[in-house]
């Protein structure tokens, strides 16, 4: 667990792995944040048990403030940010940034060379956040979303962390 300061003085977002007990709050988040393309209760339950998927949650004051789903498949060095959402009252307080950084750290620790994501073409706030965070657009999926909207594809290279032992064993 990592406590991450948000932009408001009195609030801290605690980023941690989601637990089975978070399922109801995660379903509620999906319903309040996403108009279409929501993850179902069954999909979320599967992701909570998955070896290749990780669900991270952000808490403030003991309540769910946001969540992110990242897919980390074996035999690939590309992580995929599948979903990220913040409850509306916490929007603009740094929760999405904290979740995004936690996902990036997790992917780098799993030796992923990059992280990719799709974002709805109309989601200007998310597009701006991804660009500020070092993501670059490399493609587009036409009519990707339920509402017929296009998905812009973004990628960010990651710094893969090496252990101290492997760094110490290298010659100059």
N, C-alpha and C. Protein backbone atom coordinates (compact mmCIF):
# COMPACT_ATOMS: atom_id res chain seq x y z
N UNK A 1 0.84 -1.18 0.00
CA UNK A 1 0.00 0.00 0.00
C UNK A 1 0.88 1.24 0.00
N UNK A 2 0.43 2.23 -0.75
CA UNK A 2 1.18 3.46 -0.87
C UNK A 2 0.22 4.62 -0.66
N UNK A 3 0.57 5.54 0.24
CA UNK A 3 -0.23 6.74 0.41
C UNK A 3 0.32 7.81 -0.52
N UNK A 4 -0.55 8.36 -1.33
CA UNK A 4 -0.15 9.34 -2.33
C UNK A 4 -0.92 10.62 -2.08
N UNK A 5 -0.21 11.76 -1.91
CA UNK A 5 -0.95 13.00 -1.70
C UNK A 5 -1.73 13.40 -2.94
N UNK A 6 -2.93 13.89 -2.74
CA UNK A 6 -3.71 14.44 -3.84
C UNK A 6 -3.52 15.94 -3.82
N UNK A 7 -4.17 16.64 -4.72
CA UNK A 7 -3.97 18.09 -4.81
C UNK A 7 -4.60 18.87 -3.67
N UNK A 8 -5.53 18.30 -2.96
CA UNK A 8 -6.13 18.98 -1.80
C UNK A 8 -5.30 18.68 -0.58
N UNK A 9 -5.09 19.66 0.27
CA UNK A 9 -4.21 19.53 1.42
C UNK A 9 -4.60 18.38 2.36
N UNK A 10 -5.87 18.24 2.67
CA UNK A 10 -6.28 17.31 3.71
C UNK A 10 -6.52 15.88 3.21
N UNK A 11 -6.45 15.66 1.94
CA UNK A 11 -6.77 14.33 1.41
C UNK A 11 -5.51 13.61 0.96
N UNK A 12 -5.47 12.33 1.25
CA UNK A 12 -4.42 11.46 0.75
C UNK A 12 -5.11 10.28 0.10
N UNK A 13 -4.60 9.87 -1.04
CA UNK A 13 -5.13 8.68 -1.70
C UNK A 13 -4.22 7.51 -1.35
N UNK A 14 -4.81 6.48 -0.83
CA UNK A 14 -4.10 5.25 -0.53
C UNK A 14 -4.31 4.32 -1.72
N UNK A 15 -3.24 3.94 -2.38
CA UNK A 15 -3.32 3.05 -3.54
C UNK A 15 -2.96 1.65 -3.06
N UNK A 16 -3.84 0.69 -3.36
CA UNK A 16 -3.60 -0.69 -2.94
C UNK A 16 -4.25 -1.64 -3.93
N UNK A 17 -3.89 -2.91 -3.82
CA UNK A 17 -4.53 -3.94 -4.64
C UNK A 17 -5.97 -4.10 -4.16
N UNK A 18 -6.88 -4.26 -5.11
CA UNK A 18 -8.28 -4.45 -4.77
C UNK A 18 -8.47 -5.83 -4.14
N UNK A 19 -9.48 -5.92 -3.29
CA UNK A 19 -9.83 -7.18 -2.63
C UNK A 19 -11.26 -7.55 -3.01
N UNK A 20 -11.63 -8.77 -2.73
CA UNK A 20 -13.00 -9.25 -2.99
C UNK A 20 -14.02 -8.34 -2.30
N UNK A 21 -13.69 -7.83 -1.14
CA UNK A 21 -14.60 -6.95 -0.39
C UNK A 21 -14.86 -5.62 -1.11
N UNK A 22 -14.05 -5.28 -2.11
CA UNK A 22 -14.22 -4.04 -2.88
C UNK A 22 -15.19 -4.19 -4.04
N UNK A 23 -15.67 -5.40 -4.29
CA UNK A 23 -16.46 -5.66 -5.49
C UNK A 23 -17.68 -4.75 -5.62
N UNK A 24 -18.46 -4.59 -4.59
CA UNK A 24 -19.65 -3.73 -4.68
C UNK A 24 -19.27 -2.29 -5.01
N UNK A 25 -18.22 -1.80 -4.39
CA UNK A 25 -17.78 -0.42 -4.65
C UNK A 25 -17.26 -0.29 -6.08
N UNK A 26 -16.60 -1.32 -6.59
CA UNK A 26 -16.10 -1.28 -7.96
C UNK A 26 -17.25 -1.28 -8.97
N UNK A 27 -18.28 -2.07 -8.71
CA UNK A 27 -19.46 -2.09 -9.59
C UNK A 27 -20.13 -0.72 -9.56
N UNK A 28 -20.25 -0.14 -8.38
CA UNK A 28 -20.85 1.18 -8.24
C UNK A 28 -20.03 2.24 -9.00
N UNK A 29 -18.71 2.15 -8.92
CA UNK A 29 -17.84 3.07 -9.65
C UNK A 29 -18.10 2.96 -11.15
N UNK A 30 -18.16 1.75 -11.68
CA UNK A 30 -18.43 1.54 -13.10
C UNK A 30 -19.74 2.21 -13.51
N UNK A 31 -20.77 2.04 -12.69
CA UNK A 31 -22.08 2.59 -13.03
C UNK A 31 -22.13 4.11 -12.97
N UNK A 32 -21.33 4.71 -12.08
CA UNK A 32 -21.36 6.17 -11.93
C UNK A 32 -20.37 6.90 -12.83
N UNK A 33 -19.36 6.22 -13.31
CA UNK A 33 -18.31 6.88 -14.09
C UNK A 33 -18.46 6.66 -15.58
N UNK A 34 -18.85 5.46 -15.99
CA UNK A 34 -18.89 5.14 -17.41
C UNK A 34 -20.32 5.03 -17.91
N UNK A 35 -20.62 5.76 -18.98
CA UNK A 35 -21.95 5.71 -19.58
C UNK A 35 -22.14 4.44 -20.39
N UNK A 36 -21.08 3.95 -21.02
CA UNK A 36 -21.12 2.73 -21.81
C UNK A 36 -19.86 1.93 -21.53
N UNK A 37 -19.76 0.76 -22.11
CA UNK A 37 -18.56 -0.08 -22.03
C UNK A 37 -18.15 -0.34 -20.58
N UNK A 38 -19.11 -0.59 -19.72
CA UNK A 38 -18.83 -0.86 -18.31
C UNK A 38 -18.37 -2.30 -18.11
N UNK A 39 -17.52 -2.49 -17.11
CA UNK A 39 -17.17 -3.84 -16.69
C UNK A 39 -18.32 -4.38 -15.84
N UNK A 40 -18.72 -5.59 -16.11
CA UNK A 40 -19.81 -6.21 -15.34
C UNK A 40 -19.27 -6.72 -14.00
N UNK A 41 -20.20 -7.02 -13.09
CA UNK A 41 -19.82 -7.61 -11.81
C UNK A 41 -19.02 -8.90 -12.04
N UNK A 42 -19.48 -9.72 -12.98
CA UNK A 42 -18.80 -10.97 -13.27
C UNK A 42 -17.37 -10.72 -13.80
N UNK A 43 -17.22 -9.75 -14.68
CA UNK A 43 -15.88 -9.42 -15.20
C UNK A 43 -14.97 -8.91 -14.10
N UNK A 44 -15.49 -8.06 -13.25
CA UNK A 44 -14.69 -7.54 -12.13
C UNK A 44 -14.29 -8.67 -11.18
N UNK A 45 -15.23 -9.56 -10.89
CA UNK A 45 -14.93 -10.69 -10.01
C UNK A 45 -13.80 -11.54 -10.60
N UNK A 46 -13.88 -11.78 -11.92
CA UNK A 46 -12.82 -12.55 -12.60
C UNK A 46 -11.48 -11.83 -12.53
N UNK A 47 -11.49 -10.52 -12.75
CA UNK A 47 -10.25 -9.75 -12.71
C UNK A 47 -9.61 -9.77 -11.32
N UNK A 48 -10.44 -9.77 -10.27
CA UNK A 48 -9.91 -9.81 -8.91
C UNK A 48 -9.16 -11.11 -8.63
N UNK A 49 -9.51 -12.17 -9.35
CA UNK A 49 -8.86 -13.48 -9.16
C UNK A 49 -7.76 -13.75 -10.20
N UNK A 50 -7.69 -12.94 -11.22
CA UNK A 50 -6.84 -13.19 -12.37
C UNK A 50 -5.35 -13.12 -12.05
N UNK A 51 -4.61 -13.97 -12.75
CA UNK A 51 -3.14 -13.90 -12.66
C UNK A 51 -2.58 -12.85 -13.60
N UNK A 52 -3.31 -12.58 -14.68
CA UNK A 52 -2.79 -11.64 -15.67
C UNK A 52 -3.42 -10.24 -15.55
N UNK A 53 -4.41 -10.09 -14.71
CA UNK A 53 -5.02 -8.79 -14.51
C UNK A 53 -4.83 -8.32 -13.08
N UNK A 54 -4.65 -7.04 -12.92
CA UNK A 54 -4.53 -6.45 -11.59
C UNK A 54 -5.51 -5.30 -11.48
N UNK A 55 -6.18 -5.24 -10.36
CA UNK A 55 -7.09 -4.13 -10.08
C UNK A 55 -6.50 -3.37 -8.90
N UNK A 56 -6.24 -2.09 -9.12
CA UNK A 56 -5.76 -1.22 -8.06
C UNK A 56 -6.88 -0.27 -7.69
N UNK A 57 -6.98 0.04 -6.40
CA UNK A 57 -7.97 1.01 -5.96
C UNK A 57 -7.28 2.15 -5.23
N UNK A 58 -7.92 3.31 -5.31
CA UNK A 58 -7.48 4.48 -4.56
C UNK A 58 -8.55 4.74 -3.52
N UNK A 59 -8.12 4.93 -2.28
CA UNK A 59 -9.04 5.23 -1.19
C UNK A 59 -8.70 6.59 -0.60
N UNK A 60 -9.71 7.32 -0.22
CA UNK A 60 -9.52 8.52 0.59
C UNK A 60 -10.55 8.47 1.69
N UNK A 61 -10.12 8.67 2.90
CA UNK A 61 -11.04 8.61 4.03
C UNK A 61 -11.75 7.28 4.16
N UNK A 62 -11.08 6.20 3.77
CA UNK A 62 -11.67 4.87 3.87
C UNK A 62 -12.70 4.54 2.79
N UNK A 63 -12.87 5.43 1.82
CA UNK A 63 -13.85 5.21 0.76
C UNK A 63 -13.14 5.11 -0.59
N UNK A 64 -13.75 4.34 -1.49
CA UNK A 64 -13.19 4.19 -2.83
C UNK A 64 -13.26 5.52 -3.57
N UNK A 65 -12.11 5.97 -4.05
CA UNK A 65 -12.03 7.22 -4.80
C UNK A 65 -11.81 6.96 -6.29
N UNK A 66 -11.28 5.78 -6.62
CA UNK A 66 -11.02 5.45 -8.00
C UNK A 66 -10.44 4.06 -8.11
N UNK A 67 -10.32 3.58 -9.35
CA UNK A 67 -9.77 2.25 -9.59
C UNK A 67 -9.14 2.20 -10.98
N UNK A 68 -8.20 1.29 -11.12
CA UNK A 68 -7.56 1.05 -12.41
C UNK A 68 -7.39 -0.45 -12.61
N UNK A 69 -7.56 -0.87 -13.85
CA UNK A 69 -7.36 -2.27 -14.22
C UNK A 69 -6.23 -2.31 -15.24
N UNK A 70 -5.24 -3.14 -14.96
CA UNK A 70 -4.12 -3.30 -15.88
C UNK A 70 -3.97 -4.78 -16.20
N UNK A 71 -3.72 -5.07 -17.47
CA UNK A 71 -3.51 -6.44 -17.91
C UNK A 71 -2.02 -6.66 -18.14
N UNK A 72 -1.49 -7.69 -17.52
CA UNK A 72 -0.06 -8.02 -17.57
C UNK A 72 0.06 -9.48 -18.01
N UNK A 73 -0.01 -9.70 -19.27
CA UNK A 73 -0.01 -11.07 -19.80
C UNK A 73 1.41 -11.65 -19.80
N UNK A 74 1.46 -12.96 -19.55
CA UNK A 74 2.75 -13.65 -19.60
C UNK A 74 3.27 -13.65 -21.03
N UNK A 75 4.56 -13.68 -21.14
CA UNK A 75 5.26 -13.76 -22.44
C UNK A 75 5.07 -12.52 -23.31
N UNK A 76 4.75 -11.40 -22.70
CA UNK A 76 4.72 -10.14 -23.45
C UNK A 76 5.29 -9.05 -22.56
N UNK A 77 5.94 -8.12 -23.19
CA UNK A 77 6.54 -7.02 -22.43
C UNK A 77 5.68 -5.76 -22.55
N UNK A 78 4.44 -5.91 -23.00
CA UNK A 78 3.53 -4.78 -23.14
C UNK A 78 2.40 -4.93 -22.13
N UNK A 79 2.26 -3.95 -21.24
CA UNK A 79 1.14 -3.92 -20.31
C UNK A 79 0.02 -3.12 -20.96
N UNK A 80 -1.21 -3.40 -20.55
CA UNK A 80 -2.35 -2.67 -21.10
C UNK A 80 -3.19 -2.11 -19.97
N UNK A 81 -3.31 -0.79 -19.96
CA UNK A 81 -4.22 -0.14 -19.02
C UNK A 81 -5.61 -0.32 -19.60
N UNK A 82 -6.39 -1.18 -18.99
CA UNK A 82 -7.68 -1.56 -19.52
C UNK A 82 -8.77 -0.58 -19.10
N UNK A 83 -8.66 -0.06 -17.89
CA UNK A 83 -9.68 0.84 -17.39
C UNK A 83 -9.11 1.68 -16.26
N UNK A 84 -9.57 2.91 -16.19
CA UNK A 84 -9.24 3.77 -15.06
C UNK A 84 -10.42 4.72 -14.86
N UNK A 85 -10.83 4.87 -13.61
CA UNK A 85 -11.96 5.74 -13.32
C UNK A 85 -11.86 6.32 -11.92
N UNK A 86 -12.42 7.50 -11.78
CA UNK A 86 -12.41 8.21 -10.49
C UNK A 86 -13.83 8.64 -10.18
N UNK A 87 -14.27 8.44 -8.94
CA UNK A 87 -15.61 8.87 -8.57
C UNK A 87 -15.72 10.38 -8.78
N UNK A 88 -16.85 10.86 -9.31
CA UNK A 88 -16.98 12.28 -9.67
C UNK A 88 -16.58 13.28 -8.58
N UNK A 89 -16.93 13.08 -7.31
CA UNK A 89 -16.52 14.08 -6.31
C UNK A 89 -15.00 14.21 -6.13
N UNK A 90 -14.24 13.18 -6.55
CA UNK A 90 -12.78 13.20 -6.39
C UNK A 90 -12.06 13.61 -7.67
N UNK A 91 -12.81 13.89 -8.71
CA UNK A 91 -12.22 14.29 -9.99
C UNK A 91 -11.43 15.58 -9.83
N UNK A 92 -10.27 15.63 -10.44
CA UNK A 92 -9.43 16.82 -10.39
C UNK A 92 -8.58 16.95 -9.14
N UNK A 93 -8.54 15.91 -8.33
CA UNK A 93 -7.78 15.95 -7.07
C UNK A 93 -6.53 15.07 -7.08
N UNK A 94 -6.13 14.61 -8.24
CA UNK A 94 -4.89 13.85 -8.35
C UNK A 94 -5.05 12.35 -8.20
N UNK A 95 -6.27 11.87 -8.05
CA UNK A 95 -6.47 10.43 -7.88
C UNK A 95 -6.10 9.67 -9.14
N UNK A 96 -6.53 10.16 -10.30
CA UNK A 96 -6.20 9.49 -11.57
C UNK A 96 -4.69 9.46 -11.79
N UNK A 97 -4.02 10.55 -11.46
CA UNK A 97 -2.56 10.62 -11.62
C UNK A 97 -1.90 9.58 -10.72
N UNK A 98 -2.36 9.48 -9.47
CA UNK A 98 -1.79 8.51 -8.53
C UNK A 98 -2.02 7.09 -9.02
N UNK A 99 -3.21 6.79 -9.51
CA UNK A 99 -3.49 5.46 -10.04
C UNK A 99 -2.62 5.16 -11.27
N UNK A 100 -2.50 6.13 -12.15
CA UNK A 100 -1.70 5.94 -13.36
C UNK A 100 -0.25 5.65 -13.01
N UNK A 101 0.30 6.39 -12.08
CA UNK A 101 1.70 6.16 -11.65
C UNK A 101 1.86 4.78 -11.01
N UNK A 102 0.87 4.37 -10.22
CA UNK A 102 0.94 3.05 -9.58
C UNK A 102 0.90 1.94 -10.62
N UNK A 103 0.06 2.10 -11.63
CA UNK A 103 -0.02 1.12 -12.71
C UNK A 103 1.32 1.05 -13.45
N UNK A 104 1.91 2.20 -13.73
CA UNK A 104 3.20 2.24 -14.42
C UNK A 104 4.29 1.56 -13.59
N UNK A 105 4.31 1.81 -12.28
CA UNK A 105 5.31 1.16 -11.41
C UNK A 105 5.12 -0.35 -11.40
N UNK A 106 3.87 -0.78 -11.33
CA UNK A 106 3.57 -2.21 -11.33
C UNK A 106 4.02 -2.86 -12.63
N UNK A 107 3.73 -2.24 -13.75
CA UNK A 107 4.13 -2.77 -15.05
C UNK A 107 5.65 -2.81 -15.19
N UNK A 108 6.33 -1.75 -14.74
CA UNK A 108 7.79 -1.73 -14.81
C UNK A 108 8.40 -2.81 -13.93
N UNK A 109 7.82 -3.03 -12.76
CA UNK A 109 8.31 -4.08 -11.87
C UNK A 109 8.13 -5.46 -12.49
N UNK A 110 7.15 -5.61 -13.35
CA UNK A 110 6.92 -6.87 -14.06
C UNK A 110 7.73 -6.93 -15.35
N UNK A 111 8.65 -5.99 -15.52
CA UNK A 111 9.58 -5.92 -16.65
C UNK A 111 8.89 -5.64 -17.98
N UNK A 112 7.79 -4.93 -17.94
CA UNK A 112 7.13 -4.50 -19.17
C UNK A 112 7.90 -3.32 -19.75
N UNK A 113 8.10 -3.32 -21.05
CA UNK A 113 8.85 -2.24 -21.70
C UNK A 113 7.99 -1.03 -21.99
N UNK A 114 6.65 -1.26 -22.06
CA UNK A 114 5.75 -0.14 -22.32
C UNK A 114 4.35 -0.47 -21.81
N UNK A 115 3.54 0.56 -21.77
CA UNK A 115 2.14 0.40 -21.40
C UNK A 115 1.30 1.05 -22.48
N UNK A 116 0.22 0.39 -22.86
CA UNK A 116 -0.67 0.89 -23.89
C UNK A 116 -2.08 1.03 -23.33
N UNK A 117 -2.87 1.86 -24.00
CA UNK A 117 -4.25 2.07 -23.59
C UNK A 117 -5.06 2.60 -24.75
N UNK A 118 -6.37 2.51 -24.60
CA UNK A 118 -7.30 3.13 -25.53
C UNK A 118 -8.13 4.13 -24.74
N UNK A 119 -8.49 5.23 -25.39
CA UNK A 119 -9.31 6.26 -24.75
C UNK A 119 -10.30 6.79 -25.79
N UNK A 120 -11.51 7.05 -25.34
CA UNK A 120 -12.55 7.56 -26.23
C UNK A 120 -12.10 8.92 -26.78
N UNK A 121 -12.32 9.10 -28.07
CA UNK A 121 -11.89 10.33 -28.74
C UNK A 121 -12.47 11.60 -28.10
N UNK A 122 -13.62 11.49 -27.44
CA UNK A 122 -14.26 12.65 -26.81
C UNK A 122 -13.79 12.92 -25.38
N UNK A 123 -12.98 12.05 -24.82
CA UNK A 123 -12.55 12.20 -23.43
C UNK A 123 -11.31 13.10 -23.36
N UNK A 124 -11.55 14.39 -23.56
CA UNK A 124 -10.44 15.34 -23.66
C UNK A 124 -9.63 15.45 -22.37
N UNK A 125 -10.28 15.30 -21.22
CA UNK A 125 -9.55 15.38 -19.94
C UNK A 125 -8.56 14.23 -19.83
N UNK A 126 -9.00 13.02 -20.16
CA UNK A 126 -8.10 11.86 -20.08
C UNK A 126 -6.98 11.97 -21.12
N UNK A 127 -7.31 12.40 -22.32
CA UNK A 127 -6.30 12.55 -23.37
C UNK A 127 -5.23 13.53 -22.93
N UNK A 128 -5.64 14.63 -22.35
CA UNK A 128 -4.70 15.63 -21.85
C UNK A 128 -3.83 15.04 -20.74
N UNK A 129 -4.43 14.30 -19.81
CA UNK A 129 -3.69 13.68 -18.71
C UNK A 129 -2.65 12.71 -19.24
N UNK A 130 -3.05 11.87 -20.20
CA UNK A 130 -2.10 10.89 -20.74
C UNK A 130 -0.94 11.59 -21.43
N UNK A 131 -1.22 12.62 -22.19
CA UNK A 131 -0.13 13.35 -22.86
C UNK A 131 0.81 13.99 -21.85
N UNK A 132 0.25 14.60 -20.80
CA UNK A 132 1.08 15.21 -19.75
C UNK A 132 1.93 14.17 -19.03
N UNK A 133 1.45 12.94 -19.02
CA UNK A 133 2.16 11.86 -18.32
C UNK A 133 3.14 11.11 -19.22
N UNK A 134 3.35 11.61 -20.45
CA UNK A 134 4.36 11.02 -21.32
C UNK A 134 3.86 10.00 -22.33
N UNK A 135 2.56 9.89 -22.48
CA UNK A 135 2.00 8.96 -23.47
C UNK A 135 1.93 9.65 -24.83
N UNK A 136 2.08 8.88 -25.89
CA UNK A 136 1.97 9.42 -27.23
C UNK A 136 0.98 8.57 -28.02
N UNK A 137 0.24 9.22 -28.90
CA UNK A 137 -0.76 8.52 -29.70
C UNK A 137 -0.09 7.81 -30.86
N UNK A 138 -0.42 6.54 -31.04
CA UNK A 138 0.17 5.79 -32.14
C UNK A 138 -0.86 5.15 -33.06
N UNK A 139 -2.12 5.32 -32.77
CA UNK A 139 -3.12 4.71 -33.64
C UNK A 139 -4.53 5.06 -33.23
N UNK A 140 -5.47 4.46 -33.94
CA UNK A 140 -6.88 4.71 -33.70
C UNK A 140 -7.67 3.46 -34.10
N UNK A 141 -8.66 3.10 -33.29
CA UNK A 141 -9.61 2.04 -33.64
C UNK A 141 -10.93 2.73 -33.96
N UNK A 142 -11.37 2.62 -35.21
CA UNK A 142 -12.63 3.25 -35.61
C UNK A 142 -13.82 2.50 -34.99
N UNK A 143 -14.81 3.27 -34.53
CA UNK A 143 -16.06 2.74 -33.98
C UNK A 143 -15.81 1.64 -32.94
N UNK A 144 -14.90 1.88 -32.04
CA UNK A 144 -14.46 0.91 -31.04
C UNK A 144 -15.45 0.78 -29.88
N UNK A 145 -16.04 1.88 -29.49
CA UNK A 145 -16.90 1.89 -28.31
C UNK A 145 -18.37 1.64 -28.66
N UNK A 146 -19.15 1.25 -27.65
CA UNK A 146 -20.57 0.96 -27.84
C UNK A 146 -21.33 2.11 -28.49
N UNK A 147 -20.92 3.34 -28.20
CA UNK A 147 -21.62 4.50 -28.76
C UNK A 147 -21.13 4.85 -30.17
N UNK A 148 -20.26 4.02 -30.73
CA UNK A 148 -19.73 4.25 -32.07
C UNK A 148 -18.50 5.14 -32.11
N UNK A 149 -18.06 5.62 -30.96
CA UNK A 149 -16.90 6.50 -30.90
C UNK A 149 -15.60 5.76 -31.19
N UNK A 150 -14.65 6.50 -31.73
CA UNK A 150 -13.33 5.95 -32.01
C UNK A 150 -12.50 5.88 -30.73
N UNK A 151 -11.58 4.94 -30.70
CA UNK A 151 -10.63 4.83 -29.60
C UNK A 151 -9.27 5.30 -30.09
N UNK A 152 -8.71 6.27 -29.40
CA UNK A 152 -7.34 6.70 -29.68
C UNK A 152 -6.42 5.78 -28.90
N UNK A 153 -5.37 5.30 -29.54
CA UNK A 153 -4.43 4.38 -28.89
C UNK A 153 -3.19 5.15 -28.46
N UNK A 154 -2.80 4.96 -27.20
CA UNK A 154 -1.64 5.63 -26.63
C UNK A 154 -0.67 4.61 -26.08
N UNK A 155 0.60 5.03 -26.02
CA UNK A 155 1.66 4.18 -25.48
C UNK A 155 2.66 5.04 -24.73
N UNK A 156 3.26 4.43 -23.72
CA UNK A 156 4.33 5.09 -22.99
C UNK A 156 5.43 4.07 -22.71
N UNK A 157 6.68 4.41 -23.08
CA UNK A 157 7.78 3.51 -22.71
C UNK A 157 8.00 3.57 -21.20
N UNK A 158 8.41 2.45 -20.64
CA UNK A 158 8.66 2.37 -19.20
C UNK A 158 10.12 2.09 -18.92
N UNK A 159 10.58 2.57 -17.80
CA UNK A 159 11.93 2.26 -17.33
C UNK A 159 11.84 0.96 -16.56
N UNK A 160 12.37 -0.10 -17.11
CA UNK A 160 12.33 -1.39 -16.42
C UNK A 160 13.37 -1.36 -15.32
N UNK A 161 12.92 -1.68 -14.13
CA UNK A 161 13.81 -1.66 -12.98
C UNK A 161 14.62 -2.96 -12.92
N UNK A 162 15.89 -2.79 -12.66
CA UNK A 162 16.74 -3.96 -12.47
C UNK A 162 17.05 -4.08 -11.00
N UNK A 163 17.29 -5.28 -10.55
CA UNK A 163 17.59 -5.48 -9.13
C UNK A 163 19.00 -4.99 -8.84
N UNK A 164 19.27 -4.71 -7.58
CA UNK A 164 20.61 -4.27 -7.18
C UNK A 164 21.64 -5.34 -7.51
N UNK A 165 21.25 -6.58 -7.32
CA UNK A 165 22.17 -7.67 -7.57
C UNK A 165 22.60 -7.69 -9.03
N UNK A 166 21.65 -7.52 -9.97
CA UNK A 166 22.03 -7.56 -11.38
C UNK A 166 22.81 -6.32 -11.79
N UNK A 167 22.53 -5.16 -11.15
CA UNK A 167 23.32 -3.96 -11.45
C UNK A 167 24.73 -4.10 -10.94
N UNK A 168 24.89 -4.70 -9.77
CA UNK A 168 26.22 -4.83 -9.17
C UNK A 168 27.09 -5.80 -9.97
N UNK A 169 26.47 -6.77 -10.63
CA UNK A 169 27.24 -7.76 -11.36
C UNK A 169 27.70 -7.33 -12.74
N UNK A 170 27.24 -6.17 -13.19
CA UNK A 170 27.62 -5.70 -14.53
C UNK A 170 29.01 -5.10 -14.50
N UNK A 171 29.76 -5.32 -15.55
CA UNK A 171 31.09 -4.69 -15.63
C UNK A 171 30.96 -3.38 -16.40
N UNK A 172 31.89 -2.51 -16.17
CA UNK A 172 31.88 -1.19 -16.81
C UNK A 172 32.65 -1.19 -18.09
